[in-house]
Amino acid sequence: MKYYQLLIIVWTLFIGGSYYLGFTPLFLGLVVFLASIIAYALYAKDKAAARSGGWRGKS
C-alpha cells in the first residue's frame, strides 16, 4: 500500500468517525470530502502535465 492511500483511508475514517460521534455535521463532512477529491484530481492533472511536458497553467 502506498503512503497516500493510507492517508486517504485514515482521513476518511477520521471524518466518518467524527460524524458518527456527533462532532461533525454531515454537510461539513461532505464538503471536506468533496474538496479533498477535487484537490486530488487537480493535483493528478498537474502531475500528468508535468510528466508529459505539457502546459501546467490555467486550463
Protein backbone atom coordinates (compact mmCIF):
# COMPACT_ATOMS: atom_id res chain seq x y z
CA MET A 1 0.00 0.00 0.00
CA LYS A 2 1.30 3.41 -0.91
CA TYR A 3 1.63 6.21 1.60
CA TYR A 4 -1.06 8.41 0.04
CA GLN A 5 -3.55 5.52 0.01
CA LEU A 6 -3.07 5.08 3.74
CA LEU A 7 -3.61 8.81 4.27
CA ILE A 8 -6.86 8.69 2.28
CA ILE A 9 -8.12 5.76 4.35
CA VAL A 10 -7.18 7.41 7.65
CA TRP A 11 -8.72 10.75 6.61
CA THR A 12 -11.96 9.05 5.51
CA LEU A 13 -12.18 7.11 8.77
CA PHE A 14 -11.48 10.28 10.76
CA ILE A 15 -14.26 12.27 9.06
CA GLY A 16 -16.67 9.32 9.21
CA GLY A 17 -15.91 8.71 12.87
CA SER A 18 -16.29 12.37 13.69
CA TYR A 19 -19.72 12.38 12.04
CA TYR A 20 -20.71 9.14 13.77
CA LEU A 21 -19.76 10.55 17.17
CA GLY A 22 -21.71 13.75 16.50
CA PHE A 23 -18.79 16.17 16.26
CA THR A 24 -19.14 16.97 12.56
CA PRO A 25 -22.39 17.76 10.73
CA LEU A 26 -22.97 15.61 7.66
CA PHE A 27 -22.89 18.64 5.36
CA LEU A 28 -19.47 19.73 6.59
CA GLY A 29 -18.09 16.21 6.24
CA LEU A 30 -19.34 16.02 2.65
CA VAL A 31 -17.88 19.43 1.81
CA VAL A 32 -14.48 18.43 3.17
CA PHE A 33 -14.63 15.10 1.35
CA LEU A 34 -15.58 16.71 -1.99
CA ALA A 35 -12.91 19.40 -1.60
CA SER A 36 -10.33 16.69 -1.00
CA ILE A 37 -11.43 14.77 -4.11
CA ILE A 38 -11.30 17.92 -6.26
CA ALA A 39 -7.86 18.89 -4.93
CA TYR A 40 -6.54 15.39 -5.60
CA ALA A 41 -7.94 15.40 -9.17
CA LEU A 42 -6.35 18.79 -9.91
CA TYR A 43 -3.04 17.63 -8.46
CA ALA A 44 -3.15 14.48 -10.62
CA LYS A 45 -3.91 16.57 -13.72
CA ASP A 46 -0.98 18.88 -12.99
CA LYS A 47 1.33 15.94 -12.30
CA ALA A 48 0.39 14.31 -15.61
CA ALA A 49 1.05 17.59 -17.45
CA ALA A 50 4.44 17.92 -15.75
CA ARG A 51 5.44 14.39 -16.74
CA SER A 52 4.43 14.88 -20.37
CA GLY A 53 5.94 18.35 -20.64
CA GLY A 54 2.52 19.91 -21.26
CA TRP A 55 1.08 23.22 -20.18
CA ARG A 56 0.69 23.45 -16.39
CA GLY A 57 -1.07 26.80 -16.17
CA LYS A 58 -4.74 27.63 -16.31
CA SER A 59 -6.92 25.25 -18.34
